[in-house]
Amino acid sequence: MKPEQFAPIGDALARLLSPHAEVVLHDPASDEIAAIWNPLSGREPGDPSLLGELDELTATGADVYGPYPKTLPDGRRLSSVSAVIRADDGKPAYVLCVNVDRTALEEASRLLAAFAAPVAGQPRVLFEHDWSETLNGIVAGYVRERGLTVDRLNRSDRLEMLGRLDAAGVLSQRRSVPAVARALGVSRSALYQLLAQTRKEPHADPA
């Protein structure tokens, strides 16, 4: 069993995970690196393997260790997994390790956390969308209660609906008057008259 036999596997894994991982083939007999692909750690074939660290780990599968944490000299954190490849006689012939740089994953996690954080204030565009949804919901709810269409509402109905809209804060929003007038099927001037009356003599919702 020669290191060259594992070249397609090491190259394929490195290409799949590029540029975020290195793949290392260790020779446990010499405790040296036999081959390395995409060397994030800067190591080369012939450098010490230091496989003794595997003695401190518990196998998570049949001759598989990890994922377990490691750190590069520049401080980058890795997630590593190692597989022992045995010869026909059952003795370890090589150890194949895949070391994934967690930097990109951690940056993505921070970015997502920042998006999920509550904002200090609601953007105007979103707030305007909210009040229009409130307007539509109140009008739709009212006509369902009455079993009527908007064009069949009388003055008392419009006063009561307008009171609900005003209480919900819809009328205090910028550019809301034309939208409310359209929703109630009245002109702007008629809406202002109705609004003045409902604020002077508020119509309570029926119990």
N, C-alpha and C. Protein backbone atom coordinates (compact mmCIF):
# COMPACT_ATOMS: atom_id res chain seq x y z
N MET A 1 0.85 -1.19 0.00
CA MET A 1 0.00 0.00 0.00
C MET A 1 0.90 1.25 0.00
N LYS A 2 0.79 2.05 -1.07
CA LYS A 2 1.65 3.20 -1.23
C LYS A 2 0.85 4.50 -1.12
N PRO A 3 1.50 5.59 -0.74
CA PRO A 3 0.79 6.88 -0.63
C PRO A 3 0.12 7.30 -1.92
N GLU A 4 0.74 6.94 -3.05
CA GLU A 4 0.20 7.34 -4.34
C GLU A 4 -1.21 6.79 -4.57
N GLN A 5 -1.52 5.68 -3.92
CA GLN A 5 -2.84 5.07 -4.09
C GLN A 5 -3.96 5.95 -3.52
N PHE A 6 -3.60 6.81 -2.58
CA PHE A 6 -4.60 7.66 -1.94
C PHE A 6 -4.67 9.05 -2.56
N ALA A 7 -3.83 9.31 -3.58
CA ALA A 7 -3.80 10.63 -4.21
C ALA A 7 -5.16 11.04 -4.77
N PRO A 8 -5.88 10.18 -5.49
CA PRO A 8 -7.19 10.60 -6.01
C PRO A 8 -8.18 10.97 -4.91
N ILE A 9 -8.13 10.20 -3.79
CA ILE A 9 -9.05 10.49 -2.69
C ILE A 9 -8.71 11.82 -2.03
N GLY A 10 -7.43 12.02 -1.72
CA GLY A 10 -7.01 13.27 -1.09
C GLY A 10 -7.28 14.47 -1.96
N ASP A 11 -7.00 14.34 -3.27
CA ASP A 11 -7.22 15.44 -4.20
C ASP A 11 -8.71 15.75 -4.33
N ALA A 12 -9.52 14.69 -4.39
CA ALA A 12 -10.97 14.90 -4.53
C ALA A 12 -11.55 15.61 -3.32
N LEU A 13 -11.17 15.19 -2.12
CA LEU A 13 -11.67 15.84 -0.90
C LEU A 13 -11.23 17.29 -0.82
N ALA A 14 -9.97 17.55 -1.17
CA ALA A 14 -9.44 18.91 -1.11
C ALA A 14 -10.17 19.81 -2.11
N ARG A 15 -10.46 19.28 -3.29
CA ARG A 15 -11.18 20.07 -4.28
C ARG A 15 -12.62 20.35 -3.84
N LEU A 16 -13.24 19.34 -3.24
CA LEU A 16 -14.61 19.51 -2.79
C LEU A 16 -14.72 20.58 -1.71
N LEU A 17 -13.77 20.60 -0.78
CA LEU A 17 -13.84 21.51 0.37
C LEU A 17 -13.00 22.76 0.19
N SER A 18 -12.34 22.91 -0.97
CA SER A 18 -11.50 24.08 -1.23
C SER A 18 -12.33 25.36 -1.17
N PRO A 19 -11.78 26.42 -0.61
CA PRO A 19 -10.42 26.56 -0.05
C PRO A 19 -10.39 26.42 1.46
N HIS A 20 -11.39 25.75 2.03
CA HIS A 20 -11.56 25.76 3.48
C HIS A 20 -11.01 24.54 4.20
N ALA A 21 -10.32 23.65 3.50
CA ALA A 21 -9.86 22.44 4.18
C ALA A 21 -8.56 21.94 3.57
N GLU A 22 -7.78 21.29 4.41
CA GLU A 22 -6.61 20.56 3.93
C GLU A 22 -6.82 19.08 4.22
N VAL A 23 -6.21 18.25 3.39
CA VAL A 23 -6.29 16.80 3.55
C VAL A 23 -4.87 16.28 3.72
N VAL A 24 -4.66 15.51 4.77
CA VAL A 24 -3.31 15.06 5.11
C VAL A 24 -3.29 13.53 5.23
N LEU A 25 -2.29 12.93 4.61
CA LEU A 25 -2.08 11.49 4.74
C LEU A 25 -0.83 11.27 5.59
N HIS A 26 -1.02 10.62 6.73
CA HIS A 26 0.08 10.40 7.67
C HIS A 26 0.56 8.95 7.60
N ASP A 27 1.86 8.78 7.79
CA ASP A 27 2.47 7.46 7.89
C ASP A 27 2.75 7.18 9.36
N PRO A 28 1.95 6.34 10.02
CA PRO A 28 2.14 6.12 11.46
C PRO A 28 3.44 5.40 11.80
N ALA A 29 4.00 4.67 10.85
CA ALA A 29 5.25 3.96 11.12
C ALA A 29 6.40 4.94 11.33
N SER A 30 6.45 5.97 10.52
CA SER A 30 7.52 6.98 10.63
C SER A 30 7.05 8.22 11.38
N ASP A 31 5.75 8.31 11.64
CA ASP A 31 5.14 9.49 12.24
C ASP A 31 5.49 10.74 11.44
N GLU A 32 5.37 10.60 10.10
CA GLU A 32 5.63 11.72 9.20
C GLU A 32 4.47 11.87 8.21
N ILE A 33 4.36 13.07 7.65
CA ILE A 33 3.35 13.32 6.64
C ILE A 33 3.79 12.68 5.34
N ALA A 34 2.94 11.80 4.80
CA ALA A 34 3.25 11.13 3.54
C ALA A 34 2.80 11.96 2.34
N ALA A 35 1.69 12.67 2.49
CA ALA A 35 1.19 13.52 1.41
C ALA A 35 0.23 14.54 2.02
N ILE A 36 0.09 15.66 1.33
CA ILE A 36 -0.81 16.70 1.83
C ILE A 36 -1.38 17.47 0.65
N TRP A 37 -2.66 17.79 0.74
CA TRP A 37 -3.35 18.54 -0.32
C TRP A 37 -3.95 19.81 0.27
N ASN A 38 -3.80 20.92 -0.43
CA ASN A 38 -4.26 22.24 0.03
C ASN A 38 -3.76 22.51 1.45
N PRO A 39 -2.45 22.63 1.61
CA PRO A 39 -1.85 22.71 2.96
C PRO A 39 -2.10 24.04 3.68
N LEU A 40 -3.25 24.15 4.33
CA LEU A 40 -3.56 25.36 5.10
C LEU A 40 -2.54 25.60 6.21
N SER A 41 -2.02 24.53 6.78
CA SER A 41 -1.11 24.63 7.92
C SER A 41 0.32 24.95 7.49
N GLY A 42 0.58 24.93 6.18
CA GLY A 42 1.93 25.19 5.71
C GLY A 42 2.88 24.01 5.83
N ARG A 43 2.35 22.85 6.24
CA ARG A 43 3.19 21.67 6.39
C ARG A 43 3.48 21.03 5.03
N GLU A 44 4.51 20.18 5.01
CA GLU A 44 4.92 19.51 3.78
C GLU A 44 5.14 18.03 4.05
N PRO A 45 5.16 17.21 2.98
CA PRO A 45 5.52 15.80 3.17
C PRO A 45 6.88 15.67 3.84
N GLY A 46 6.97 14.79 4.81
CA GLY A 46 8.21 14.60 5.56
C GLY A 46 8.20 15.31 6.89
N ASP A 47 7.27 16.28 7.07
CA ASP A 47 7.16 16.96 8.37
C ASP A 47 6.59 15.99 9.40
N PRO A 48 6.87 16.23 10.70
CA PRO A 48 6.34 15.34 11.74
C PRO A 48 4.82 15.30 11.74
N SER A 49 4.26 14.14 11.93
CA SER A 49 2.80 13.99 11.98
C SER A 49 2.24 14.31 13.35
N LEU A 50 2.97 13.92 14.41
CA LEU A 50 2.51 14.12 15.78
C LEU A 50 1.16 13.43 16.00
N LEU A 51 1.09 12.18 15.60
CA LEU A 51 -0.16 11.43 15.70
C LEU A 51 -0.52 11.03 17.12
N GLY A 52 0.37 11.31 18.06
CA GLY A 52 0.10 10.95 19.44
C GLY A 52 -1.17 11.58 19.98
N GLU A 53 -1.63 12.69 19.34
CA GLU A 53 -2.86 13.35 19.81
C GLU A 53 -4.07 12.44 19.66
N LEU A 54 -4.02 11.50 18.73
CA LEU A 54 -5.15 10.59 18.55
C LEU A 54 -5.31 9.64 19.72
N ASP A 55 -4.21 9.41 20.48
CA ASP A 55 -4.28 8.52 21.64
C ASP A 55 -5.21 9.08 22.71
N GLU A 56 -5.41 10.40 22.69
CA GLU A 56 -6.25 11.04 23.70
C GLU A 56 -7.71 11.09 23.30
N LEU A 57 -8.02 10.64 22.08
CA LEU A 57 -9.38 10.72 21.57
C LEU A 57 -10.06 9.35 21.61
N THR A 58 -11.37 9.39 21.66
CA THR A 58 -12.17 8.18 21.60
C THR A 58 -12.74 8.04 20.20
N ALA A 59 -12.60 6.87 19.63
CA ALA A 59 -13.09 6.65 18.28
C ALA A 59 -14.60 6.87 18.23
N THR A 60 -15.05 7.57 17.19
CA THR A 60 -16.49 7.82 17.01
C THR A 60 -17.10 6.87 16.00
N GLY A 61 -16.27 6.02 15.41
CA GLY A 61 -16.73 5.03 14.44
C GLY A 61 -15.65 3.97 14.32
N ALA A 62 -15.79 3.11 13.36
CA ALA A 62 -14.77 2.08 13.14
C ALA A 62 -13.51 2.74 12.59
N ASP A 63 -12.52 2.92 13.48
CA ASP A 63 -11.25 3.55 13.12
C ASP A 63 -11.41 5.00 12.66
N VAL A 64 -12.46 5.66 13.14
CA VAL A 64 -12.69 7.07 12.80
C VAL A 64 -12.68 7.89 14.09
N TYR A 65 -12.00 9.03 14.04
CA TYR A 65 -11.89 9.91 15.20
C TYR A 65 -12.38 11.31 14.80
N GLY A 66 -13.20 11.90 15.69
CA GLY A 66 -13.65 13.26 15.46
C GLY A 66 -15.09 13.33 14.96
N PRO A 67 -15.47 14.56 14.66
CA PRO A 67 -14.67 15.78 14.58
C PRO A 67 -14.13 16.22 15.95
N TYR A 68 -12.90 16.74 15.96
CA TYR A 68 -12.27 17.28 17.15
C TYR A 68 -11.59 18.60 16.79
N PRO A 69 -11.42 19.49 17.77
CA PRO A 69 -10.88 20.83 17.47
C PRO A 69 -9.36 20.84 17.38
N LYS A 70 -8.87 21.68 16.50
CA LYS A 70 -7.44 21.95 16.39
C LYS A 70 -7.28 23.43 16.09
N THR A 71 -6.06 23.95 16.24
CA THR A 71 -5.80 25.36 15.99
C THR A 71 -4.54 25.52 15.14
N LEU A 72 -4.63 26.40 14.13
CA LEU A 72 -3.47 26.71 13.30
C LEU A 72 -2.58 27.70 14.02
N PRO A 73 -1.31 27.81 13.62
CA PRO A 73 -0.40 28.76 14.27
C PRO A 73 -0.89 30.20 14.25
N ASP A 74 -1.68 30.58 13.23
CA ASP A 74 -2.18 31.96 13.14
C ASP A 74 -3.46 32.17 13.94
N GLY A 75 -3.89 31.15 14.69
CA GLY A 75 -5.06 31.28 15.55
C GLY A 75 -6.36 30.77 14.95
N ARG A 76 -6.37 30.44 13.67
CA ARG A 76 -7.60 29.92 13.07
C ARG A 76 -7.96 28.56 13.67
N ARG A 77 -9.24 28.37 13.91
CA ARG A 77 -9.70 27.12 14.52
C ARG A 77 -10.15 26.15 13.44
N LEU A 78 -9.84 24.89 13.65
CA LEU A 78 -10.18 23.85 12.71
C LEU A 78 -11.11 22.83 13.35
N SER A 79 -11.89 22.16 12.52
CA SER A 79 -12.60 20.95 12.91
C SER A 79 -11.96 19.82 12.12
N SER A 80 -11.50 18.80 12.82
CA SER A 80 -10.74 17.74 12.16
C SER A 80 -11.39 16.38 12.37
N VAL A 81 -11.20 15.53 11.37
CA VAL A 81 -11.64 14.15 11.46
C VAL A 81 -10.53 13.28 10.89
N SER A 82 -10.27 12.14 11.53
CA SER A 82 -9.18 11.27 11.12
C SER A 82 -9.69 9.84 10.95
N ALA A 83 -9.17 9.18 9.92
CA ALA A 83 -9.56 7.79 9.65
C ALA A 83 -8.30 6.94 9.56
N VAL A 84 -8.28 5.86 10.31
CA VAL A 84 -7.15 4.93 10.28
C VAL A 84 -7.37 3.93 9.14
N ILE A 85 -6.40 3.84 8.27
CA ILE A 85 -6.47 2.90 7.15
C ILE A 85 -5.54 1.74 7.46
N ARG A 86 -6.08 0.55 7.53
CA ARG A 86 -5.31 -0.61 7.97
C ARG A 86 -4.87 -1.47 6.77
N ALA A 87 -3.70 -2.08 6.93
CA ALA A 87 -3.19 -3.01 5.93
C ALA A 87 -3.90 -4.35 6.07
N ASP A 88 -3.56 -5.29 5.19
CA ASP A 88 -4.22 -6.59 5.21
C ASP A 88 -4.00 -7.33 6.51
N ASP A 89 -2.87 -7.05 7.17
CA ASP A 89 -2.59 -7.74 8.43
C ASP A 89 -3.26 -7.07 9.63
N GLY A 90 -4.03 -6.01 9.37
CA GLY A 90 -4.76 -5.34 10.44
C GLY A 90 -4.00 -4.22 11.11
N LYS A 91 -2.73 -4.04 10.75
CA LYS A 91 -1.96 -2.97 11.35
C LYS A 91 -2.23 -1.64 10.64
N PRO A 92 -2.18 -0.50 11.38
CA PRO A 92 -2.39 0.80 10.75
C PRO A 92 -1.33 1.06 9.68
N ALA A 93 -1.78 1.32 8.47
CA ALA A 93 -0.86 1.64 7.38
C ALA A 93 -0.75 3.14 7.20
N TYR A 94 -1.89 3.83 7.24
CA TYR A 94 -1.91 5.29 7.09
C TYR A 94 -3.05 5.86 7.93
N VAL A 95 -2.96 7.15 8.18
CA VAL A 95 -4.06 7.88 8.82
C VAL A 95 -4.39 9.06 7.91
N LEU A 96 -5.64 9.11 7.47
CA LEU A 96 -6.09 10.19 6.60
C LEU A 96 -6.86 11.20 7.43
N CYS A 97 -6.42 12.45 7.39
CA CYS A 97 -7.05 13.51 8.19
C CYS A 97 -7.59 14.61 7.27
N VAL A 98 -8.77 15.09 7.61
CA VAL A 98 -9.36 16.24 6.92
C VAL A 98 -9.53 17.35 7.95
N ASN A 99 -8.90 18.49 7.71
CA ASN A 99 -8.93 19.62 8.64
C ASN A 99 -9.66 20.77 7.98
N VAL A 100 -10.82 21.14 8.54
CA VAL A 100 -11.67 22.19 7.96
C VAL A 100 -11.51 23.48 8.75
N ASP A 101 -11.16 24.55 8.04
CA ASP A 101 -11.03 25.88 8.65
C ASP A 101 -12.43 26.40 8.99
N ARG A 102 -12.68 26.71 10.26
CA ARG A 102 -13.99 27.15 10.71
C ARG A 102 -14.22 28.65 10.53
N THR A 103 -13.22 29.39 10.05
CA THR A 103 -13.33 30.84 9.98
C THR A 103 -14.56 31.30 9.20
N ALA A 104 -14.75 30.75 7.99
CA ALA A 104 -15.89 31.17 7.17
C ALA A 104 -17.21 30.83 7.84
N LEU A 105 -17.27 29.66 8.49
CA LEU A 105 -18.50 29.26 9.16
C LEU A 105 -18.82 30.17 10.34
N GLU A 106 -17.79 30.54 11.10
CA GLU A 106 -18.01 31.40 12.25
C GLU A 106 -18.40 32.81 11.83
N GLU A 107 -17.80 33.29 10.71
CA GLU A 107 -18.18 34.61 10.22
C GLU A 107 -19.62 34.61 9.74
N ALA A 108 -20.02 33.52 9.06
CA ALA A 108 -21.40 33.42 8.61
C ALA A 108 -22.36 33.36 9.80
N SER A 109 -21.96 32.67 10.86
CA SER A 109 -22.79 32.59 12.05
C SER A 109 -22.97 33.95 12.69
N ARG A 110 -21.87 34.73 12.75
CA ARG A 110 -21.97 36.09 13.33
C ARG A 110 -22.87 36.97 12.48
N LEU A 111 -22.76 36.81 11.15
CA LEU A 111 -23.59 37.62 10.26
C LEU A 111 -25.07 37.30 10.45
N LEU A 112 -25.39 36.01 10.54
CA LEU A 112 -26.78 35.61 10.74
C LEU A 112 -27.30 36.08 12.10
N ALA A 113 -26.42 36.03 13.11
CA ALA A 113 -26.83 36.49 14.44
C ALA A 113 -27.13 37.99 14.43
N ALA A 114 -26.33 38.74 13.64
CA ALA A 114 -26.55 40.19 13.54
C ALA A 114 -27.88 40.48 12.87
N PHE A 115 -28.23 39.69 11.85
CA PHE A 115 -29.51 39.88 11.17
C PHE A 115 -30.67 39.55 12.11
N ALA A 116 -30.46 38.57 12.98
CA ALA A 116 -31.53 38.14 13.88
C ALA A 116 -31.72 39.08 15.06
N ALA A 117 -30.74 39.95 15.33
CA ALA A 117 -30.83 40.84 16.48
C ALA A 117 -31.95 41.85 16.28
N PRO A 118 -32.65 42.24 17.36
CA PRO A 118 -33.73 43.22 17.22
C PRO A 118 -33.21 44.57 16.78
N VAL A 119 -33.97 45.28 15.94
CA VAL A 119 -33.56 46.60 15.47
C VAL A 119 -34.11 47.66 16.41
N ALA A 120 -33.41 48.80 16.46
CA ALA A 120 -33.80 49.87 17.37
C ALA A 120 -35.09 50.53 16.95
N GLY A 121 -35.31 50.66 15.66
CA GLY A 121 -36.51 51.31 15.16
C GLY A 121 -36.98 50.67 13.88
N GLN A 122 -38.26 50.77 13.61
CA GLN A 122 -38.79 50.14 12.41
C GLN A 122 -38.64 51.08 11.23
N PRO A 123 -38.06 50.63 10.11
CA PRO A 123 -37.92 51.49 8.94
C PRO A 123 -39.28 52.01 8.48
N ARG A 124 -39.29 53.23 7.94
CA ARG A 124 -40.54 53.86 7.53
C ARG A 124 -41.30 53.00 6.52
N VAL A 125 -40.59 52.44 5.55
CA VAL A 125 -41.26 51.65 4.52
C VAL A 125 -41.99 50.47 5.14
N LEU A 126 -41.34 49.79 6.09
CA LEU A 126 -41.98 48.66 6.73
C LEU A 126 -43.15 49.10 7.59
N PHE A 127 -42.99 50.25 8.27
CA PHE A 127 -44.07 50.71 9.13
C PHE A 127 -45.28 51.10 8.29
N GLU A 128 -45.03 51.74 7.12
CA GLU A 128 -46.15 52.10 6.26
C GLU A 128 -46.86 50.85 5.77
N HIS A 129 -46.11 49.82 5.49
CA HIS A 129 -46.73 48.56 5.07
C HIS A 129 -47.59 48.01 6.20
N ASP A 130 -47.12 48.14 7.43
CA ASP A 130 -47.86 47.63 8.58
C ASP A 130 -49.19 48.34 8.74
N TRP A 131 -49.19 49.69 8.64
CA TRP A 131 -50.46 50.38 8.87
C TRP A 131 -51.45 50.09 7.75
N SER A 132 -50.96 49.87 6.54
CA SER A 132 -51.88 49.54 5.45
C SER A 132 -52.50 48.16 5.69
N GLU A 133 -51.71 47.24 6.25
CA GLU A 133 -52.26 45.93 6.59
C GLU A 133 -53.29 46.07 7.71
N THR A 134 -53.00 46.95 8.68
CA THR A 134 -53.96 47.19 9.77
C THR A 134 -55.25 47.76 9.22
N LEU A 135 -55.13 48.73 8.31
CA LEU A 135 -56.31 49.33 7.67
C LEU A 135 -57.16 48.26 6.99
N ASN A 136 -56.51 47.45 6.18
CA ASN A 136 -57.25 46.41 5.45
C ASN A 136 -57.92 45.42 6.40
N GLY A 137 -57.20 45.07 7.47
CA GLY A 137 -57.74 44.11 8.42
C GLY A 137 -58.95 44.63 9.16
N ILE A 138 -58.91 45.92 9.57
CA ILE A 138 -60.03 46.51 10.31
C ILE A 138 -61.25 46.63 9.41
N VAL A 139 -61.04 47.11 8.18
CA VAL A 139 -62.18 47.26 7.26
C VAL A 139 -62.80 45.90 6.95
N ALA A 140 -61.95 44.92 6.65
CA ALA A 140 -62.46 43.58 6.33
C ALA A 140 -63.20 42.98 7.51
N GLY A 141 -62.65 43.16 8.72
CA GLY A 141 -63.31 42.63 9.90
C GLY A 141 -64.65 43.28 10.16
N TYR A 142 -64.73 44.59 9.93
CA TYR A 142 -65.99 45.30 10.20
C TYR A 142 -67.09 44.86 9.25
N VAL A 143 -66.79 44.79 7.96
CA VAL A 143 -67.84 44.42 7.01
C VAL A 143 -68.28 42.97 7.21
N ARG A 144 -67.37 42.11 7.69
CA ARG A 144 -67.77 40.74 8.00
C ARG A 144 -68.74 40.72 9.18
N GLU A 145 -68.44 41.55 10.18
CA GLU A 145 -69.33 41.63 11.34
C GLU A 145 -70.73 42.07 10.93
N ARG A 146 -70.79 43.04 10.04
CA ARG A 146 -72.09 43.62 9.66
C ARG A 146 -72.76 42.83 8.53
N GLY A 147 -72.01 41.97 7.88
CA GLY A 147 -72.58 41.24 6.76
C GLY A 147 -72.91 42.14 5.60
N LEU A 148 -72.13 43.20 5.44
CA LEU A 148 -72.37 44.19 4.39
C LEU A 148 -71.12 44.38 3.54
N THR A 149 -71.30 45.00 2.40
CA THR A 149 -70.16 45.46 1.60
C THR A 149 -69.91 46.92 1.94
N VAL A 150 -68.72 47.42 1.61
CA VAL A 150 -68.36 48.79 1.96
C VAL A 150 -69.33 49.79 1.36
N ASP A 151 -69.78 49.54 0.14
CA ASP A 151 -70.65 50.52 -0.52
C ASP A 151 -72.04 50.57 0.11
N ARG A 152 -72.37 49.64 0.99
CA ARG A 152 -73.69 49.63 1.64
C ARG A 152 -73.62 50.14 3.09
N LEU A 153 -72.44 50.58 3.52
CA LEU A 153 -72.31 51.11 4.88
C LEU A 153 -72.97 52.49 4.95
N ASN A 154 -73.67 52.75 6.07
CA ASN A 154 -74.25 54.08 6.25
C ASN A 154 -73.30 54.97 7.04
N ARG A 155 -73.72 56.19 7.32
CA ARG A 155 -72.85 57.15 7.99
C ARG A 155 -72.43 56.66 9.37
N SER A 156 -73.38 56.07 10.11
CA SER A 156 -73.07 55.56 11.44
C SER A 156 -72.01 54.45 11.37
N ASP A 157 -72.14 53.58 10.36
CA ASP A 157 -71.16 52.51 10.19
C ASP A 157 -69.77 53.08 9.93
N ARG A 158 -69.73 54.09 9.06
CA ARG A 158 -68.43 54.67 8.70
C ARG A 158 -67.80 55.39 9.89
N LEU A 159 -68.64 56.02 10.69
CA LEU A 159 -68.13 56.67 11.89
C LEU A 159 -67.52 55.64 12.84
N GLU A 160 -68.22 54.54 13.02
CA GLU A 160 -67.71 53.51 13.93
C GLU A 160 -66.41 52.90 13.40
N MET A 161 -66.37 52.61 12.10
CA MET A 161 -65.16 52.03 11.52
C MET A 161 -64.01 53.02 11.60
N LEU A 162 -64.31 54.28 11.34
CA LEU A 162 -63.27 55.31 11.40
C LEU A 162 -62.73 55.44 12.81
N GLY A 163 -63.61 55.28 13.81
CA GLY A 163 -63.16 55.31 15.19
C GLY A 163 -62.17 54.19 15.48
N ARG A 164 -62.44 53.02 14.94
CA ARG A 164 -61.52 51.90 15.14
C ARG A 164 -60.17 52.17 14.47
N LEU A 165 -60.23 52.71 13.26
CA LEU A 165 -58.99 53.02 12.54
C LEU A 165 -58.17 54.08 13.28
N ASP A 166 -58.89 55.08 13.81
CA ASP A 166 -58.19 56.15 14.53
C ASP A 166 -57.57 55.62 15.81
N ALA A 167 -58.30 54.75 16.50
CA ALA A 167 -57.78 54.17 17.74
C ALA A 167 -56.56 53.30 17.47
N ALA A 168 -56.51 52.67 16.29
CA ALA A 168 -55.37 51.83 15.94
C ALA A 168 -54.18 52.63 15.45
N GLY A 169 -54.35 53.97 15.33
CA GLY A 169 -53.23 54.82 14.92
C GLY A 169 -53.04 54.95 13.43
N VAL A 170 -53.98 54.41 12.66
CA VAL A 170 -53.84 54.45 11.20
C VAL A 170 -53.89 55.89 10.69
N LEU A 171 -54.82 56.70 11.22
CA LEU A 171 -55.00 58.06 10.72
C LEU A 171 -53.84 58.99 11.06
N SER A 172 -52.99 58.58 11.98
CA SER A 172 -51.86 59.43 12.36
C SER A 172 -50.65 59.21 11.47
N GLN A 173 -50.75 58.26 10.55
CA GLN A 173 -49.62 57.94 9.67
C GLN A 173 -49.63 58.80 8.42
N ARG A 174 -48.43 59.12 7.96
CA ARG A 174 -48.25 59.94 6.78
C ARG A 174 -48.85 59.24 5.55
N ARG A 175 -49.60 60.00 4.76
CA ARG A 175 -50.22 59.54 3.52
C ARG A 175 -51.32 58.51 3.75
N SER A 176 -51.85 58.45 4.97
CA SER A 176 -52.88 57.45 5.24
C SER A 176 -54.27 57.91 4.82
N VAL A 177 -54.53 59.24 4.78
CA VAL A 177 -55.88 59.74 4.51
C VAL A 177 -56.43 59.27 3.16
N PRO A 178 -55.66 59.40 2.07
CA PRO A 178 -56.21 58.91 0.78
C PRO A 178 -56.55 57.42 0.82
N ALA A 179 -55.70 56.63 1.47
CA ALA A 179 -55.94 55.19 1.54
C ALA A 179 -57.20 54.88 2.35
N VAL A 180 -57.39 55.60 3.46
CA VAL A 180 -58.57 55.38 4.30
C VAL A 180 -59.84 55.81 3.55
N ALA A 181 -59.73 56.92 2.84
CA ALA A 181 -60.89 57.40 2.08
C ALA A 181 -61.31 56.36 1.03
N ARG A 182 -60.33 55.80 0.35
CA ARG A 182 -60.65 54.78 -0.66
C ARG A 182 -61.27 53.55 0.00
N ALA A 183 -60.72 53.17 1.16
CA ALA A 183 -61.23 51.98 1.84
C ALA A 183 -62.67 52.15 2.30
N LEU A 184 -63.03 53.39 2.69
CA LEU A 184 -64.39 53.65 3.17
C LEU A 184 -65.34 54.07 2.06
N GLY A 185 -64.79 54.29 0.86
CA GLY A 185 -65.63 54.66 -0.28
C GLY A 185 -66.16 56.07 -0.18
N VAL A 186 -65.34 57.01 0.39
CA VAL A 186 -65.76 58.40 0.51
C VAL A 186 -64.66 59.30 -0.03
N SER A 187 -65.00 60.58 -0.21
CA SER A 187 -64.00 61.55 -0.65
C SER A 187 -63.15 61.98 0.53
N ARG A 188 -62.04 62.65 0.24
CA ARG A 188 -61.19 63.12 1.34
C ARG A 188 -61.91 64.12 2.22
N SER A 189 -62.65 65.03 1.59
CA SER A 189 -63.36 66.04 2.38
C SER A 189 -64.40 65.39 3.28
N ALA A 190 -65.09 64.37 2.74
CA ALA A 190 -66.08 63.67 3.57
C ALA A 190 -65.39 62.93 4.70
N LEU A 191 -64.21 62.40 4.41
CA LEU A 191 -63.48 61.69 5.46
C LEU A 191 -63.09 62.63 6.58
N TYR A 192 -62.60 63.84 6.23
CA TYR A 192 -62.21 64.79 7.27
C TYR A 192 -63.43 65.17 8.13
N GLN A 193 -64.60 65.32 7.50
CA GLN A 193 -65.81 65.64 8.25
C GLN A 193 -66.17 64.51 9.21
N LEU A 194 -66.09 63.28 8.72
CA LEU A 194 -66.38 62.13 9.56
C LEU A 194 -65.38 62.02 10.71
N LEU A 195 -64.11 62.28 10.40
CA LEU A 195 -63.07 62.17 11.41
C LEU A 195 -63.27 63.21 12.50
N ALA A 196 -63.63 64.43 12.09
CA ALA A 196 -63.87 65.48 13.09
C ALA A 196 -65.02 65.08 14.01
N GLN A 197 -66.05 64.49 13.44
CA GLN A 197 -67.19 64.10 14.25
C GLN A 197 -66.85 62.94 15.19
N THR A 198 -66.12 61.95 14.68
CA THR A 198 -65.82 60.79 15.53
C THR A 198 -64.87 61.14 16.65
N ARG A 199 -63.98 62.14 16.42
CA ARG A 199 -63.08 62.56 17.49
C ARG A 199 -63.79 63.43 18.52
N LYS A 200 -64.84 64.11 18.07
CA LYS A 200 -65.62 64.93 18.99
C LYS A 200 -66.58 64.08 19.79
N GLU A 201 -67.18 63.09 19.13
CA GLU A 201 -68.14 62.19 19.78
C GLU A 201 -67.74 60.75 19.46
N PRO A 202 -66.74 60.21 20.15
CA PRO A 202 -66.24 58.87 19.84
C PRO A 202 -67.36 57.84 19.89
N HIS A 203 -67.35 56.93 18.87
CA HIS A 203 -68.32 55.83 18.84
C HIS A 203 -67.69 54.60 19.46
N ALA A 204 -68.29 54.14 20.52
CA ALA A 204 -67.76 52.96 21.20
C ALA A 204 -68.17 51.72 20.42
N ASP A 205 -67.29 50.74 20.40
CA ASP A 205 -67.62 49.47 19.77
C ASP A 205 -68.73 48.80 20.54
N PRO A 206 -69.62 48.13 19.88
CA PRO A 206 -70.70 47.43 20.61
C PRO A 206 -70.12 46.32 21.44
N ALA A 207 -70.76 46.07 22.57
CA ALA A 207 -70.28 45.03 23.49
C ALA A 207 -70.49 43.67 22.86
